[in-house]
């Protein structure tokens, strides 16, 4: 089986998006902070945003497998 290549930069972006989503769910009425975090994320990753849905799905799949400690599934990916 051929390994799926994920860019470390894309993986970092998706991980930070997830962190922002979790913070937003904890403080749903803090619109100023939500906006600030979104702008910071956009500025930090402006060189790769937007990226393909396939890249996002691969990153999500990898992070989900990592959280569930499914290292066999994680082995399908190569981080570069």
Protein backbone atom coordinates (compact mmCIF):
# COMPACT_ATOMS: atom_id res chain seq x y z
CA UNK A 1 0.00 0.00 0.00
CA UNK A 2 1.31 3.41 -0.96
CA UNK A 3 1.76 5.90 1.87
CA UNK A 4 -0.15 9.17 1.86
CA UNK A 5 2.14 12.19 2.14
CA UNK A 6 1.04 15.00 4.43
CA UNK A 7 2.87 18.30 4.67
CA UNK A 8 3.86 19.16 8.23
CA UNK A 9 2.74 22.71 7.54
CA UNK A 10 -0.77 21.54 6.53
CA UNK A 11 -0.91 19.31 9.59
CA UNK A 12 0.04 22.22 11.88
CA UNK A 13 -2.64 24.38 10.27
CA UNK A 14 -5.39 21.80 10.76
CA UNK A 15 -4.25 21.18 14.35
CA UNK A 16 -4.46 24.92 15.13
CA UNK A 17 -7.87 25.13 13.45
CA UNK A 18 -9.05 22.36 15.76
CA UNK A 19 -7.67 24.17 18.80
CA UNK A 20 -9.50 27.34 17.75
CA UNK A 21 -12.73 25.38 17.31
CA UNK A 22 -12.39 23.88 20.79
CA UNK A 23 -11.75 27.30 22.33
CA UNK A 24 -14.72 28.74 20.47
CA UNK A 25 -17.01 26.03 21.78
CA UNK A 26 -15.90 26.76 25.35
CA UNK A 27 -16.53 30.49 24.99
CA UNK A 28 -19.32 30.79 22.39
CA UNK A 29 -20.05 34.48 23.02
CA UNK A 30 -16.47 35.73 22.82
CA UNK A 31 -16.65 36.95 19.22
CA UNK A 32 -13.68 39.29 19.52
CA UNK A 33 -11.31 36.46 20.50
CA UNK A 34 -12.74 34.19 17.78
CA UNK A 35 -12.09 36.83 15.17
CA UNK A 36 -8.61 37.54 16.50
CA UNK A 37 -7.65 33.83 16.44
CA UNK A 38 -9.05 33.42 12.93
CA UNK A 39 -7.09 36.39 11.63
CA UNK A 40 -3.89 35.18 13.30
CA UNK A 41 -4.35 31.72 11.79
CA UNK A 42 -4.94 33.20 8.35
CA UNK A 43 -1.83 35.35 8.62
CA UNK A 44 0.37 32.55 9.92
CA UNK A 45 -0.68 30.10 7.22
CA UNK A 46 -1.38 32.52 4.36
CA UNK A 47 1.09 30.66 2.14
CA UNK A 48 -0.99 27.44 2.18
CA UNK A 49 -4.57 28.60 2.79
CA UNK A 50 -6.76 27.58 1.07
CA UNK A 51 -5.72 23.99 0.50
CA UNK A 52 -7.54 21.09 -1.07
CA UNK A 53 -10.29 19.20 0.73
CA UNK A 54 -8.27 16.01 0.22
CA UNK A 55 -5.34 17.49 2.14
CA UNK A 56 -7.66 18.58 4.96
CA UNK A 57 -9.31 15.16 5.11
CA UNK A 58 -5.95 13.39 5.23
CA UNK A 59 -4.80 15.66 8.06
CA UNK A 60 -8.07 15.12 9.94
CA UNK A 61 -7.83 11.35 9.48
CA UNK A 62 -4.26 11.33 10.76
CA UNK A 63 -5.04 13.52 13.80
CA UNK A 64 -8.15 11.46 14.65
CA UNK A 65 -6.14 8.22 14.46
CA UNK A 66 -3.41 9.76 16.59
CA UNK A 67 -5.94 10.83 19.25
CA UNK A 68 -7.40 7.30 19.32
CA UNK A 69 -3.86 5.87 19.47
CA UNK A 70 -4.49 3.90 16.28
CA UNK A 71 -0.84 3.78 15.26
CA UNK A 72 -1.46 1.16 12.60
CA UNK A 73 -3.66 3.62 10.73
CA UNK A 74 -1.13 6.42 11.37
CA UNK A 75 1.44 4.25 9.62
CA UNK A 76 -0.41 4.87 6.34
CA UNK A 77 0.84 8.44 6.34
CA UNK A 78 4.21 10.05 5.84
CA UNK A 79 4.77 13.51 7.31
CA UNK A 80 7.14 15.72 5.32
